[in-house]
Structure formats: C-alpha cells, structure tokens
Amino acid sequence: MAKASGQKLKLLYLRDYLLKYSDEAHPVTINDMIAYLAERGVSAERKSLYDDIASLQDYGLDIIKIKAKSTGYYVASRDFELPEVKLLIDAVQSSRFITTRKTDALIKKIEGLASSHEGRSLHHQVFIQNRVKSVNESVYYNVDLISEGIDRGVKLSFRYFEYGADKQRRYRRGGDQYVVSPEFLIWDDENYYLVACPDDTGDTRHYRVDKMEGIELLSDRAQPRKNDPAIYSNTLFSMFNGEKRNVRIRFSDELAGVVIDRFGSDVIFARYDEHSFTVNVDVADSPQFRAWIFGLGSGAEILAPEDVRQRMKAELESVLGRYK
C-alpha cells in the first residue's frame, strides 16, 4: 500500500525536483531523479521516468533535454523569470512597512520561485542590514485586515500613534479610537497608507499603516468611496495633506522628464518662452510641495495663484533667515 501511495506521488515529486534543482546551467540526469525519488521512498525505473517527463511536458512544464557527456534535463522557463524574481526581492527590500524579520522570511519564499542554484545567487545579492524598516511587526497583517474591510464595505476602528523624541509611542486623541470608512490602500514613498473618511470630519485623510494599532472591522456600512486612487496620489507630495489647489508652474525644458514622472504623460505643456514651459496641475498645497519646487532650483517657479506663490516666498525667506 505504501509503495502504491508513493507511485501516485511520483509525478509530483519529479515536478518539484526539476523546478527546484534544475536550470540551464545545472541540468539533472535520470540517475539524479532516481536517487531523489528513492530518498522519498518511491522506486522508479528509467523507462517510467521517460514517460513521466513526457507527461510533464504535455502538462506544460518547459523541460529541455540536452546531450553532453551524459543526457540531462532542466526546466527552461518558470512562472517567474529570474529578472522578475529580482524585482520582487528589490520591492520587498525597499518597503519600509515590512519589518526586517518579515523581509528575510519573504525573500526566502521569493527565492523559491527560482531554482535552488539561482536562489543562492540571489541571496548573495540581498542586503537588508542597516536599512530603515518598520519596527511594527503587525503591519504585515494590518494590510490584510484593512483589505478585508474594504472588500466587505464596512467601517474600521483603530488607534493611531507617532513616536516621540524618547522613541516611545504617543497615541493621538489620547488613545481614543478612530472610526473611518476605508477607501483604498496606497503604497507611496516605500510606505503603505490607508485612505479613508473619518466619521467625525467627513474629509478624506490618510494614515500610515505601520502606525495603526488594534484594527477592528465594524458592522456599520462604510460610506461610498469619494476619491480616485490615481488622482489622489498624484495631488500629494510624499503623502502630505494640504488644501487642494490648481497651480500654474513654470519649468525649464530640461525638467520635462521630472514633470512627466510626477504628474503623468497626459499633463499639458504650454510654451512659456524659448527655454521653458508651464503646466496647470492640481496639488495639495503643503510644505512638502514647496520643498519639491525648491529642490528643482531655478528650473521651477510657481506663477499662480498669488497666495500660493507668496507662501512659497515666505517659506524661502524663513529658511534663508536661519542661515544669516
């Protein structure tokens, strides 16, 4: 009975073995397969393995046969190619909301999408030491809970905190619960944010997911969504809130790529002079927006409206005063 059970699993064991241990640089032989199966209590004859390989090929597994000193086999393509696996690892590494411990665990799982040989190569390229990471281990599960609330269309409650100079948590509202209607999650500047409407204001707000604690799904129905995710994220600068304003900005021609990266390729360029153009865009008028303009130096200038222009001037004069 044990042997029969093992035979039923043989094809699955063989598929796992080829995916994990073979690639173009590391083909495996029939003898390798027989030894691997034997370790799992499954006997296999050479002829049956040829039939099994053909079945896996018919199933869609891209197995290539090569002849050198000995005949070998390897999986030529997988669901995720090596460059795609590298991209996933880079995304996990750069995500501040994922703790160091969870980052290490996720990277090990992602490496499993490649062969073991490619996985070892990827691991040698992984550098997570001294990267700025969240210390809130629950954030990984907060994302899942928030997503469930959005899917179910119900309100959420949670406590929200910041860190003080002593590196201890300081709860806003004295630790009272926030109650919000969740709209969507945004991944911006290496952090996850929940965009939602609080019950007490009705205005759209966003919250760092790694600073949310004690999230609960309520039975009350959430308010209908008010915002488009793409439009909302494009008006903000590093997720800083501010009054939404339509501003006219002059940019030097060499900053065209920067403008497209920030506002998208559909933004309309209007010629200003021989060396510059203007755009009219909706932004959240915040210190971070003005810092972005300042960072572009003489290549950018707020032209209108006048009150936004004057706030930029006042902030520049304030900063200049600190260096006199």
C-alpha atoms as a PDB file:
ATOM      1  CA  MET A   1       0.000   0.000   0.000  1.00  0.00           C
ATOM      2  CA  ALA A   2       2.874   2.379   0.882  1.00  0.00           C
ATOM      3  CA  LYS A   3       4.514   1.684  -2.468  1.00  0.00           C
ATOM      4  CA  ALA A   4       1.298   2.346  -4.364  1.00  0.00           C
ATOM      5  CA  SER A   5       0.828   5.607  -2.499  1.00  0.00           C
ATOM      6  CA  GLY A   6       4.370   6.597  -3.355  1.00  0.00           C
ATOM      7  CA  GLN A   7       3.814   5.842  -7.018  1.00  0.00           C
ATOM      8  CA  LYS A   8       0.807   8.134  -7.051  1.00  0.00           C
ATOM      9  CA  LEU A   9       3.016  10.937  -5.767  1.00  0.00           C
ATOM     10  CA  LYS A  10       5.922  10.214  -8.085  1.00  0.00           C
ATOM     11  CA  LEU A  11       4.925  12.695 -10.776  1.00  0.00           C
ATOM     12  CA  LEU A  12       4.503  15.476  -8.198  1.00  0.00           C
ATOM     13  CA  TYR A  13       7.866  14.702  -6.583  1.00  0.00           C
ATOM     14  CA  LEU A  14       9.500  14.714 -10.016  1.00  0.00           C
ATOM     15  CA  ARG A  15       7.943  18.073 -10.935  1.00  0.00           C
ATOM     16  CA  ASP A  16       9.110  19.618  -7.634  1.00  0.00           C
ATOM     17  CA  TYR A  17      12.611  18.237  -8.117  1.00  0.00           C
ATOM     18  CA  LEU A  18      13.005  19.599 -11.633  1.00  0.00           C
ATOM     19  CA  LEU A  19      11.699  23.040 -10.643  1.00  0.00           C
ATOM     20  CA  LYS A  20      13.896  23.285  -7.560  1.00  0.00           C
ATOM     21  CA  TYR A  21      17.174  21.753  -8.664  1.00  0.00           C
ATOM     22  CA  SER A  22      17.448  22.192 -12.432  1.00  0.00           C
ATOM     23  CA  ASP A  23      18.171  25.169 -14.631  1.00  0.00           C
ATOM     24  CA  GLU A  24      20.127  25.775 -17.837  1.00  0.00           C
ATOM     25  CA  ALA A  25      23.451  25.776 -16.006  1.00  0.00           C
ATOM     26  CA  HIS A  26      22.520  22.778 -13.845  1.00  0.00           C
ATOM     27  CA  PRO A  27      20.784  20.009 -15.808  1.00  0.00           C
ATOM     28  CA  VAL A  28      19.928  16.821 -13.900  1.00  0.00           C
ATOM     29  CA  THR A  29      20.216  13.236 -15.095  1.00  0.00           C
ATOM     30  CA  ILE A  30      17.832  10.310 -14.899  1.00  0.00           C
ATOM     31  CA  ASN A  31      20.085   8.805 -12.199  1.00  0.00           C
ATOM     32  CA  ASP A  32      19.728  12.034 -10.196  1.00  0.00           C
ATOM     33  CA  MET A  33      15.954  11.720 -10.423  1.00  0.00           C
ATOM     34  CA  ILE A  34      16.001   8.048  -9.377  1.00  0.00           C
ATOM     35  CA  ALA A  35      18.132   8.904  -6.322  1.00  0.00           C
ATOM     36  CA  TYR A  36      15.869  11.815  -5.341  1.00  0.00           C
ATOM     37  CA  LEU A  37      12.735   9.685  -5.596  1.00  0.00           C
ATOM     38  CA  ALA A  38      14.376   6.868  -3.631  1.00  0.00           C
ATOM     39  CA  GLU A  39      15.022   9.294  -0.747  1.00  0.00           C
ATOM     40  CA  ARG A  40      11.255   9.759  -0.637  1.00  0.00           C
ATOM     41  CA  GLY A  41      10.521   6.043  -0.676  1.00  0.00           C
ATOM     42  CA  VAL A  42       9.466   5.943  -4.332  1.00  0.00           C
ATOM     43  CA  SER A  43      11.058   3.396  -6.652  1.00  0.00           C
ATOM     44  CA  ALA A  44      11.409   4.370 -10.315  1.00  0.00           C
ATOM     45  CA  GLU A  45      12.663   2.693 -13.469  1.00  0.00           C
ATOM     46  CA  ARG A  46      14.392   4.615 -16.222  1.00  0.00           C
ATOM     47  CA  LYS A  47      11.689   3.888 -18.798  1.00  0.00           C
ATOM     48  CA  SER A  48       8.912   5.080 -16.467  1.00  0.00           C
ATOM     49  CA  LEU A  49      10.779   8.344 -15.901  1.00  0.00           C
ATOM     50  CA  TYR A  50      10.985   8.999 -19.639  1.00  0.00           C
ATOM     51  CA  ASP A  51       7.202   8.608 -19.741  1.00  0.00           C
ATOM     52  CA  ASP A  52       6.821  10.862 -16.684  1.00  0.00           C
ATOM     53  CA  ILE A  53       8.955  13.607 -18.247  1.00  0.00           C
ATOM     54  CA  ALA A  54       6.848  13.405 -21.411  1.00  0.00           C
ATOM     55  CA  SER A  55       3.679  13.729 -19.292  1.00  0.00           C
ATOM     56  CA  LEU A  56       5.055  16.802 -17.537  1.00  0.00           C
ATOM     57  CA  GLN A  57       5.926  18.333 -20.905  1.00  0.00           C
ATOM     58  CA  ASP A  58       2.393  17.644 -22.130  1.00  0.00           C
ATOM     59  CA  TYR A  59       1.122  19.315 -18.948  1.00  0.00           C
ATOM     60  CA  GLY A  60       3.071  22.455 -19.894  1.00  0.00           C
ATOM     61  CA  LEU A  61       6.313  22.215 -17.917  1.00  0.00           C
ATOM     62  CA  ASP A  62       9.091  23.541 -20.183  1.00  0.00           C
ATOM     63  CA  ILE A  63      11.596  20.675 -19.811  1.00  0.00           C
ATOM     64  CA  ILE A  64      14.584  20.722 -22.148  1.00  0.00           C
ATOM     65  CA  LYS A  65      16.712  17.671 -22.895  1.00  0.00           C
ATOM     66  CA  ILE A  66      20.426  18.169 -23.607  1.00  0.00           C
ATOM     67  CA  LYS A  67      23.214  15.784 -24.513  1.00  0.00           C
ATOM     68  CA  ALA A  68      26.797  16.370 -23.361  1.00  0.00           C
ATOM     69  CA  LYS A  69      28.895  13.797 -21.523  1.00  0.00           C
ATOM     70  CA  SER A  70      25.550  12.489 -20.299  1.00  0.00           C
ATOM     71  CA  THR A  71      21.937  13.222 -21.076  1.00  0.00           C
ATOM     72  CA  GLY A  72      20.448  15.890 -18.819  1.00  0.00           C
ATOM     73  CA  TYR A  73      17.169  17.698 -18.302  1.00  0.00           C
ATOM     74  CA  TYR A  74      16.290  21.125 -16.977  1.00  0.00           C
ATOM     75  CA  VAL A  75      13.307  23.472 -16.676  1.00  0.00           C
ATOM     76  CA  ALA A  76      13.905  26.257 -19.176  1.00  0.00           C
ATOM     77  CA  SER A  77      11.140  28.648 -18.093  1.00  0.00           C
ATOM     78  CA  ARG A  78       9.100  29.201 -14.950  1.00  0.00           C
ATOM     79  CA  ASP A  79       6.089  31.264 -13.954  1.00  0.00           C
ATOM     80  CA  PHE A  80       8.573  33.934 -12.829  1.00  0.00           C
ATOM     81  CA  GLU A  81      11.764  34.525 -14.775  1.00  0.00           C
ATOM     82  CA  LEU A  82      14.943  35.411 -12.868  1.00  0.00           C
ATOM     83  CA  PRO A  83      14.741  39.197 -13.564  1.00  0.00           C
ATOM     84  CA  GLU A  84      11.143  39.174 -12.297  1.00  0.00           C
ATOM     85  CA  VAL A  85      12.191  37.389  -9.109  1.00  0.00           C
ATOM     86  CA  LYS A  86      14.907  40.010  -8.610  1.00  0.00           C
ATOM     87  CA  LEU A  87      12.303  42.778  -8.983  1.00  0.00           C
ATOM     88  CA  LEU A  88      10.103  41.185  -6.330  1.00  0.00           C
ATOM     89  CA  ILE A  89      13.039  40.909  -3.944  1.00  0.00           C
ATOM     90  CA  ASP A  90      14.003  44.544  -4.555  1.00  0.00           C
ATOM     91  CA  ALA A  91      10.408  45.632  -3.844  1.00  0.00           C
ATOM     92  CA  VAL A  92      10.349  43.746  -0.538  1.00  0.00           C
ATOM     93  CA  GLN A  93      13.774  45.067   0.453  1.00  0.00           C
ATOM     94  CA  SER A  94      12.842  48.688  -0.217  1.00  0.00           C
ATOM     95  CA  SER A  95       9.477  48.536   1.579  1.00  0.00           C
ATOM     96  CA  ARG A  96       9.772  50.358   4.873  1.00  0.00           C
ATOM     97  CA  PHE A  97       6.480  48.981   6.164  1.00  0.00           C
ATOM     98  CA  ILE A  98       7.829  45.399   6.180  1.00  0.00           C
ATOM     99  CA  THR A  99       9.947  44.624   9.232  1.00  0.00           C
ATOM    100  CA  THR A 100      13.446  43.171   8.900  1.00  0.00           C
ATOM    101  CA  ARG A 101      12.317  39.782  10.192  1.00  0.00           C
ATOM    102  CA  LYS A 102       9.385  39.595   7.771  1.00  0.00           C
ATOM    103  CA  THR A 103      11.594  40.865   4.939  1.00  0.00           C
ATOM    104  CA  ASP A 104      14.005  37.973   5.482  1.00  0.00           C
ATOM    105  CA  ALA A 105      11.128  35.452   5.550  1.00  0.00           C
ATOM    106  CA  LEU A 106       9.520  36.833   2.375  1.00  0.00           C
ATOM    107  CA  ILE A 107      12.799  36.892   0.478  1.00  0.00           C
ATOM    108  CA  LYS A 108      13.365  33.214   1.298  1.00  0.00           C
ATOM    109  CA  LYS A 109       9.914  32.423  -0.116  1.00  0.00           C
ATOM    110  CA  ILE A 110      10.505  34.514  -3.240  1.00  0.00           C
ATOM    111  CA  GLU A 111      13.825  32.784  -3.829  1.00  0.00           C
ATOM    112  CA  GLY A 112      11.796  29.567  -4.055  1.00  0.00           C
ATOM    113  CA  LEU A 113      10.304  30.845  -7.313  1.00  0.00           C
ATOM    114  CA  ALA A 114      13.711  30.244  -8.915  1.00  0.00           C
ATOM    115  CA  SER A 115      15.861  27.123  -8.889  1.00  0.00           C
ATOM    116  CA  SER A 116      17.901  26.468  -5.751  1.00  0.00           C
ATOM    117  CA  HIS A 117      21.078  27.433  -7.627  1.00  0.00           C
ATOM    118  CA  GLU A 118      19.603  30.743  -8.801  1.00  0.00           C
ATOM    119  CA  GLY A 119      18.164  31.264  -5.312  1.00  0.00           C
ATOM    120  CA  ARG A 120      21.626  31.026  -3.743  1.00  0.00           C
ATOM    121  CA  SER A 121      22.889  33.536  -6.288  1.00  0.00           C
ATOM    122  CA  LEU A 122      20.017  35.892  -5.440  1.00  0.00           C
ATOM    123  CA  HIS A 123      20.666  35.540  -1.722  1.00  0.00           C
ATOM    124  CA  HIS A 124      24.243  36.714  -2.210  1.00  0.00           C
ATOM    125  CA  GLN A 125      22.820  39.915  -3.740  1.00  0.00           C
ATOM    126  CA  VAL A 126      20.464  40.588  -0.823  1.00  0.00           C
ATOM    127  CA  PHE A 127      21.443  43.429   1.519  1.00  0.00           C
ATOM    128  CA  ILE A 128      18.954  44.278   4.264  1.00  0.00           C
ATOM    129  CA  GLN A 129      21.316  45.196   7.087  1.00  0.00           C
ATOM    130  CA  ASN A 130      21.006  48.800   8.310  1.00  0.00           C
ATOM    131  CA  ARG A 131      18.076  49.573   6.024  1.00  0.00           C
ATOM    132  CA  VAL A 132      15.366  51.728   7.591  1.00  0.00           C
ATOM    133  CA  LYS A 133      12.498  49.351   8.340  1.00  0.00           C
ATOM    134  CA  SER A 134       9.308  49.411  10.350  1.00  0.00           C
ATOM    135  CA  VAL A 135       9.520  48.041  13.880  1.00  0.00           C
ATOM    136  CA  ASN A 136       5.771  47.317  13.927  1.00  0.00           C
ATOM    137  CA  GLU A 137       5.566  43.590  13.194  1.00  0.00           C
ATOM    138  CA  SER A 138       1.750  43.667  12.978  1.00  0.00           C
ATOM    139  CA  VAL A 139       1.742  45.934   9.892  1.00  0.00           C
ATOM    140  CA  TYR A 140       2.024  42.896   7.618  1.00  0.00           C
ATOM    141  CA  TYR A 141      -1.264  41.584   8.984  1.00  0.00           C
ATOM    142  CA  ASN A 142      -2.851  45.048   9.207  1.00  0.00           C
ATOM    143  CA  VAL A 143      -2.746  45.272   5.406  1.00  0.00           C
ATOM    144  CA  ASP A 144      -4.682  42.026   5.119  1.00  0.00           C
ATOM    145  CA  LEU A 145      -7.270  43.123   7.692  1.00  0.00           C
ATOM    146  CA  ILE A 146      -7.742  46.536   6.063  1.00  0.00           C
ATOM    147  CA  SER A 147      -8.155  44.896   2.648  1.00  0.00           C
ATOM    148  CA  GLU A 148     -10.860  42.666   4.089  1.00  0.00           C
ATOM    149  CA  GLY A 149     -12.694  45.702   5.459  1.00  0.00           C
ATOM    150  CA  ILE A 150     -12.517  47.444   2.070  1.00  0.00           C
ATOM    151  CA  ASP A 151     -13.802  44.317   0.278  1.00  0.00           C
ATOM    152  CA  ARG A 152     -16.676  43.941   2.746  1.00  0.00           C
ATOM    153  CA  GLY A 153     -17.522  47.641   2.629  1.00  0.00           C
ATOM    154  CA  VAL A 154     -17.506  48.136   6.420  1.00  0.00           C
ATOM    155  CA  LYS A 155     -16.009  50.762   8.723  1.00  0.00           C
ATOM    156  CA  LEU A 156     -12.751  50.273  10.629  1.00  0.00           C
ATOM    157  CA  SER A 157     -11.678  51.381  14.081  1.00  0.00           C
ATOM    158  CA  PHE A 158      -8.069  51.697  15.281  1.00  0.00           C
ATOM    159  CA  ARG A 159      -5.670  53.669  17.449  1.00  0.00           C
ATOM    160  CA  TYR A 160      -3.077  55.881  15.771  1.00  0.00           C
ATOM    161  CA  PHE A 161       0.343  56.754  17.151  1.00  0.00           C
ATOM    162  CA  GLU A 162       3.535  58.658  16.449  1.00  0.00           C
ATOM    163  CA  TYR A 163       6.984  58.415  18.002  1.00  0.00           C
ATOM    164  CA  GLY A 164       8.290  60.999  20.449  1.00  0.00           C
ATOM    165  CA  ALA A 165      11.863  62.148  20.986  1.00  0.00           C
ATOM    166  CA  ASP A 166      12.258  59.330  23.507  1.00  0.00           C
ATOM    167  CA  LYS A 167      11.353  56.855  20.724  1.00  0.00           C
ATOM    168  CA  GLN A 168       8.202  55.842  22.597  1.00  0.00           C
ATOM    169  CA  ARG A 169       4.740  55.719  21.054  1.00  0.00           C
ATOM    170  CA  ARG A 170       2.475  58.723  21.533  1.00  0.00           C
ATOM    171  CA  TYR A 171      -1.166  57.992  20.781  1.00  0.00           C
ATOM    172  CA  ARG A 172      -3.199  60.663  19.072  1.00  0.00           C
ATOM    173  CA  ARG A 173      -6.517  61.694  20.613  1.00  0.00           C
ATOM    174  CA  GLY A 174      -5.249  60.389  23.929  1.00  0.00           C
ATOM    175  CA  GLY A 175      -5.521  56.827  22.667  1.00  0.00           C
ATOM    176  CA  ASP A 176      -9.198  57.098  21.641  1.00  0.00           C
ATOM    177  CA  GLN A 177     -10.300  55.001  18.684  1.00  0.00           C
ATOM    178  CA  TYR A 178     -10.513  56.402  15.169  1.00  0.00           C
ATOM    179  CA  VAL A 179     -13.590  55.258  13.216  1.00  0.00           C
ATOM    180  CA  VAL A 180     -13.262  55.583   9.442  1.00  0.00           C
ATOM    181  CA  SER A 181     -14.783  54.476   6.159  1.00  0.00           C
ATOM    182  CA  PRO A 182     -11.847  52.879   4.292  1.00  0.00           C
ATOM    183  CA  GLU A 183     -11.461  53.649   0.595  1.00  0.00           C
ATOM    184  CA  PHE A 184      -8.193  52.140  -0.645  1.00  0.00           C
ATOM    185  CA  LEU A 185      -4.554  51.438   0.190  1.00  0.00           C
ATOM    186  CA  ILE A 186      -1.682  53.340  -1.424  1.00  0.00           C
ATOM    187  CA  TRP A 187       1.965  52.337  -1.496  1.00  0.00           C
ATOM    188  CA  ASP A 188       3.912  55.588  -1.631  1.00  0.00           C
ATOM    189  CA  ASP A 189       7.465  56.550  -0.707  1.00  0.00           C
ATOM    190  CA  GLU A 190       8.152  52.971   0.477  1.00  0.00           C
ATOM    191  CA  ASN A 191       5.233  53.011   2.930  1.00  0.00           C
ATOM    192  CA  TYR A 192       1.633  51.782   2.943  1.00  0.00           C
ATOM    193  CA  TYR A 193      -1.154  54.287   3.600  1.00  0.00           C
ATOM    194  CA  LEU A 194      -4.875  53.826   4.181  1.00  0.00           C
ATOM    195  CA  VAL A 195      -7.015  56.482   2.506  1.00  0.00           C
ATOM    196  CA  ALA A 196     -10.283  56.858   4.417  1.00  0.00           C
ATOM    197  CA  CYS A 197     -13.020  59.245   5.584  1.00  0.00           C
ATOM    198  CA  PRO A 198     -13.224  59.705   9.391  1.00  0.00           C
ATOM    199  CA  ASP A 199     -16.707  59.731  10.887  1.00  0.00           C
ATOM    200  CA  ASP A 200     -16.044  62.909  12.869  1.00  0.00           C
ATOM    201  CA  THR A 201     -14.944  65.104   9.936  1.00  0.00           C
ATOM    202  CA  GLY A 202     -16.135  63.553   6.690  1.00  0.00           C
ATOM    203  CA  ASP A 203     -12.957  64.812   4.966  1.00  0.00           C
ATOM    204  CA  THR A 204     -10.540  62.482   3.243  1.00  0.00           C
ATOM    205  CA  ARG A 205      -7.486  61.564   5.322  1.00  0.00           C
ATOM    206  CA  HIS A 206      -4.678  59.056   5.018  1.00  0.00           C
ATOM    207  CA  TYR A 207      -2.948  57.034   7.719  1.00  0.00           C
ATOM    208  CA  ARG A 208       0.392  55.232   7.800  1.00  0.00           C
ATOM    209  CA  VAL A 209      -0.493  51.554   8.166  1.00  0.00           C
ATOM    210  CA  ASP A 210       2.569  50.868  10.334  1.00  0.00           C
ATOM    211  CA  LYS A 211       1.296  53.479  12.825  1.00  0.00           C
ATOM    212  CA  MET A 212      -2.149  51.901  13.152  1.00  0.00           C
ATOM    213  CA  GLU A 213      -2.809  49.614  16.108  1.00  0.00           C
ATOM    214  CA  GLY A 214      -5.717  47.445  17.262  1.00  0.00           C
ATOM    215  CA  ILE A 215      -7.586  47.490  13.954  1.00  0.00           C
ATOM    216  CA  GLU A 216     -11.131  46.135  14.149  1.00  0.00           C
ATOM    217  CA  LEU A 217     -13.762  45.575  11.478  1.00  0.00           C
ATOM    218  CA  LEU A 218     -17.105  47.089  12.487  1.00  0.00           C
ATOM    219  CA  SER A 219     -20.599  46.050  11.450  1.00  0.00           C
ATOM    220  CA  ASP A 220     -21.527  49.556  10.210  1.00  0.00           C
ATOM    221  CA  ARG A 221     -21.525  50.057   6.453  1.00  0.00           C
ATOM    222  CA  ALA A 222     -18.783  52.310   5.103  1.00  0.00           C
ATOM    223  CA  GLN A 223     -19.538  55.489   3.171  1.00  0.00           C
ATOM    224  CA  PRO A 224     -19.239  55.273  -0.642  1.00  0.00           C
ATOM    225  CA  ARG A 225     -15.746  55.955  -1.976  1.00  0.00           C
ATOM    226  CA  LYS A 226     -15.100  59.620  -2.782  1.00  0.00           C
ATOM    227  CA  ASN A 227     -11.670  59.516  -4.405  1.00  0.00           C
ATOM    228  CA  ASP A 228      -9.911  58.030  -7.392  1.00  0.00           C
ATOM    229  CA  PRO A 229      -6.652  56.377  -6.192  1.00  0.00           C
ATOM    230  CA  ALA A 230      -4.515  57.646  -9.097  1.00  0.00           C
ATOM    231  CA  ILE A 231      -5.775  61.233  -8.880  1.00  0.00           C
ATOM    232  CA  TYR A 232      -5.497  61.299  -5.084  1.00  0.00           C
ATOM    233  CA  SER A 233      -1.907  60.060  -5.007  1.00  0.00           C
ATOM    234  CA  ASN A 234      -0.803  62.412  -7.806  1.00  0.00           C
ATOM    235  CA  THR A 235      -2.000  65.529  -5.960  1.00  0.00           C
ATOM    236  CA  LEU A 236       0.008  64.711  -2.827  1.00  0.00           C
ATOM    237  CA  PHE A 237       3.720  65.107  -2.240  1.00  0.00           C
ATOM    238  CA  SER A 238       5.182  62.382  -0.018  1.00  0.00           C
ATOM    239  CA  MET A 239       1.637  61.853   1.322  1.00  0.00           C
ATOM    240  CA  PHE A 240       1.469  65.329   2.927  1.00  0.00           C
ATOM    241  CA  ASN A 241      -2.059  66.712   3.150  1.00  0.00           C
ATOM    242  CA  GLY A 242      -2.883  70.268   2.211  1.00  0.00           C
ATOM    243  CA  GLU A 243      -5.562  72.380   0.608  1.00  0.00           C
ATOM    244  CA  LYS A 244      -6.178  71.163  -2.921  1.00  0.00           C
ATOM    245  CA  ARG A 245      -5.275  73.946  -5.363  1.00  0.00           C
ATOM    246  CA  ASN A 246      -4.851  74.292  -9.093  1.00  0.00           C
ATOM    247  CA  VAL A 247      -1.435  75.876  -9.640  1.00  0.00           C
ATOM    248  CA  ARG A 248       0.434  77.150 -12.660  1.00  0.00           C
ATOM    249  CA  ILE A 249       4.133  76.309 -12.606  1.00  0.00           C
ATOM    250  CA  ARG A 250       6.942  77.239 -14.981  1.00  0.00           C
ATOM    251  CA  PHE A 251       9.592  74.575 -15.652  1.00  0.00           C
ATOM    252  CA  SER A 252      12.821  74.665 -17.633  1.00  0.00           C
ATOM    253  CA  ASP A 253      12.781  72.398 -20.676  1.00  0.00           C
ATOM    254  CA  GLU A 254      15.381  70.052 -19.172  1.00  0.00           C
ATOM    255  CA  LEU A 255      12.900  69.207 -16.384  1.00  0.00           C
ATOM    256  CA  ALA A 256      10.275  67.795 -18.763  1.00  0.00           C
ATOM    257  CA  GLY A 257      11.054  64.238 -17.647  1.00  0.00           C
ATOM    258  CA  VAL A 258      10.747  65.212 -13.967  1.00  0.00           C
ATOM    259  CA  VAL A 259       7.322  66.760 -14.633  1.00  0.00           C
ATOM    260  CA  ILE A 260       6.093  63.686 -16.508  1.00  0.00           C
ATOM    261  CA  ASP A 261       7.356  61.402 -13.726  1.00  0.00           C
ATOM    262  CA  ARG A 262       5.466  63.496 -11.154  1.00  0.00           C
ATOM    263  CA  PHE A 263       2.208  64.307 -12.977  1.00  0.00           C
ATOM    264  CA  GLY A 264       1.978  61.718 -15.758  1.00  0.00           C
ATOM    265  CA  SER A 265       2.371  61.839 -19.529  1.00  0.00           C
ATOM    266  CA  ASP A 266      -1.103  63.356 -20.055  1.00  0.00           C
ATOM    267  CA  VAL A 267      -0.152  66.649 -18.391  1.00  0.00           C
ATOM    268  CA  ILE A 268      -0.374  69.514 -20.907  1.00  0.00           C
ATOM    269  CA  PHE A 269       2.776  71.552 -21.617  1.00  0.00           C
ATOM    270  CA  ALA A 270       2.246  75.186 -22.691  1.00  0.00           C
ATOM    271  CA  ARG A 271       5.205  77.064 -24.146  1.00  0.00           C
ATOM    272  CA  TYR A 272       6.296  79.943 -21.835  1.00  0.00           C
ATOM    273  CA  ASP A 273       9.426  81.152 -23.566  1.00  0.00           C
ATOM    274  CA  GLU A 274      12.268  79.771 -25.649  1.00  0.00           C
ATOM    275  CA  HIS A 275      13.639  77.661 -22.806  1.00  0.00           C
ATOM    276  CA  SER A 276      10.682  76.849 -20.567  1.00  0.00           C
ATOM    277  CA  PHE A 277       7.045  75.703 -20.446  1.00  0.00           C
ATOM    278  CA  THR A 278       4.163  75.864 -17.987  1.00  0.00           C
ATOM    279  CA  VAL A 279       1.691  73.335 -16.631  1.00  0.00           C
ATOM    280  CA  ASN A 280      -1.556  73.698 -14.709  1.00  0.00           C
ATOM    281  CA  VAL A 281      -1.958  70.922 -12.155  1.00  0.00           C
ATOM    282  CA  ASP A 282      -3.966  70.130  -9.015  1.00  0.00           C
ATOM    283  CA  VAL A 283      -1.753  69.701  -5.945  1.00  0.00           C
ATOM    284  CA  ALA A 284      -2.078  69.613  -2.170  1.00  0.00           C
ATOM    285  CA  ASP A 285      -0.580  72.954  -1.126  1.00  0.00           C
ATOM    286  CA  SER A 286       1.735  71.694   1.596  1.00  0.00           C
ATOM    287  CA  PRO A 287       5.296  72.322   2.867  1.00  0.00           C
ATOM    288  CA  GLN A 288       6.356  69.164   1.070  1.00  0.00           C
ATOM    289  CA  PHE A 289       5.043  70.519  -2.247  1.00  0.00           C
ATOM    290  CA  ARG A 290       7.015  73.715  -1.740  1.00  0.00           C
ATOM    291  CA  ALA A 291      10.090  71.684  -0.785  1.00  0.00           C
ATOM    292  CA  TRP A 292       9.753  69.763  -4.058  1.00  0.00           C
ATOM    293  CA  ILE A 293       9.636  73.048  -6.006  1.00  0.00           C
ATOM    294  CA  PHE A 294      12.648  74.340  -4.053  1.00  0.00           C
ATOM    295  CA  GLY A 295      14.573  71.151  -4.830  1.00  0.00           C
ATOM    296  CA  LEU A 296      14.304  71.925  -8.545  1.00  0.00           C
ATOM    297  CA  GLY A 297      16.180  75.208  -8.046  1.00  0.00           C
ATOM    298  CA  SER A 298      15.854  77.923 -10.676  1.00  0.00           C
ATOM    299  CA  GLY A 299      14.300  75.394 -13.047  1.00  0.00           C
ATOM    300  CA  ALA A 300      10.869  75.719 -11.403  1.00  0.00           C
ATOM    301  CA  GLU A 301       8.709  78.687 -10.369  1.00  0.00           C
ATOM    302  CA  ILE A 302       5.150  78.921  -9.058  1.00  0.00           C
ATOM    303  CA  LEU A 303       3.363  81.529 -11.169  1.00  0.00           C
ATOM    304  CA  ALA A 304      -0.184  81.348  -9.819  1.00  0.00           C
ATOM    305  CA  PRO A 305      -2.320  81.606  -7.779  1.00  0.00           C
ATOM    306  CA  GLU A 306      -0.716  84.537  -5.998  1.00  0.00           C
ATOM    307  CA  ASP A 307      -1.382  83.323  -2.432  1.00  0.00           C
ATOM    308  CA  VAL A 308       0.395  80.024  -3.149  1.00  0.00           C
ATOM    309  CA  ARG A 309       3.275  81.959  -4.708  1.00  0.00           C
ATOM    310  CA  GLN A 310       3.504  84.215  -1.651  1.00  0.00           C
ATOM    311  CA  ARG A 311       3.558  81.212   0.729  1.00  0.00           C
ATOM    312  CA  MET A 312       6.487  79.856  -1.262  1.00  0.00           C
ATOM    313  CA  LYS A 313       8.262  83.227  -0.972  1.00  0.00           C
ATOM    314  CA  ALA A 314       7.617  83.472   2.772  1.00  0.00           C
ATOM    315  CA  GLU A 315       8.921  79.967   3.390  1.00  0.00           C
ATOM    316  CA  LEU A 316      12.090  80.659   1.398  1.00  0.00           C
ATOM    317  CA  GLU A 317      12.695  83.876   3.371  1.00  0.00           C
ATOM    318  CA  SER A 318      12.147  81.999   6.650  1.00  0.00           C
ATOM    319  CA  VAL A 319      14.680  79.349   5.712  1.00  0.00           C
ATOM    320  CA  LEU A 320      17.159  81.960   4.471  1.00  0.00           C
ATOM    321  CA  GLY A 321      16.866  83.764   7.818  1.00  0.00           C
ATOM    322  CA  ARG A 322      18.165  80.695   9.637  1.00  0.00           C
ATOM    323  CA  TYR A 323      21.446  80.891   7.698  1.00  0.00           C
ATOM    324  CA  LYS A 324      22.158  84.574   8.174  1.00  0.00           C
END
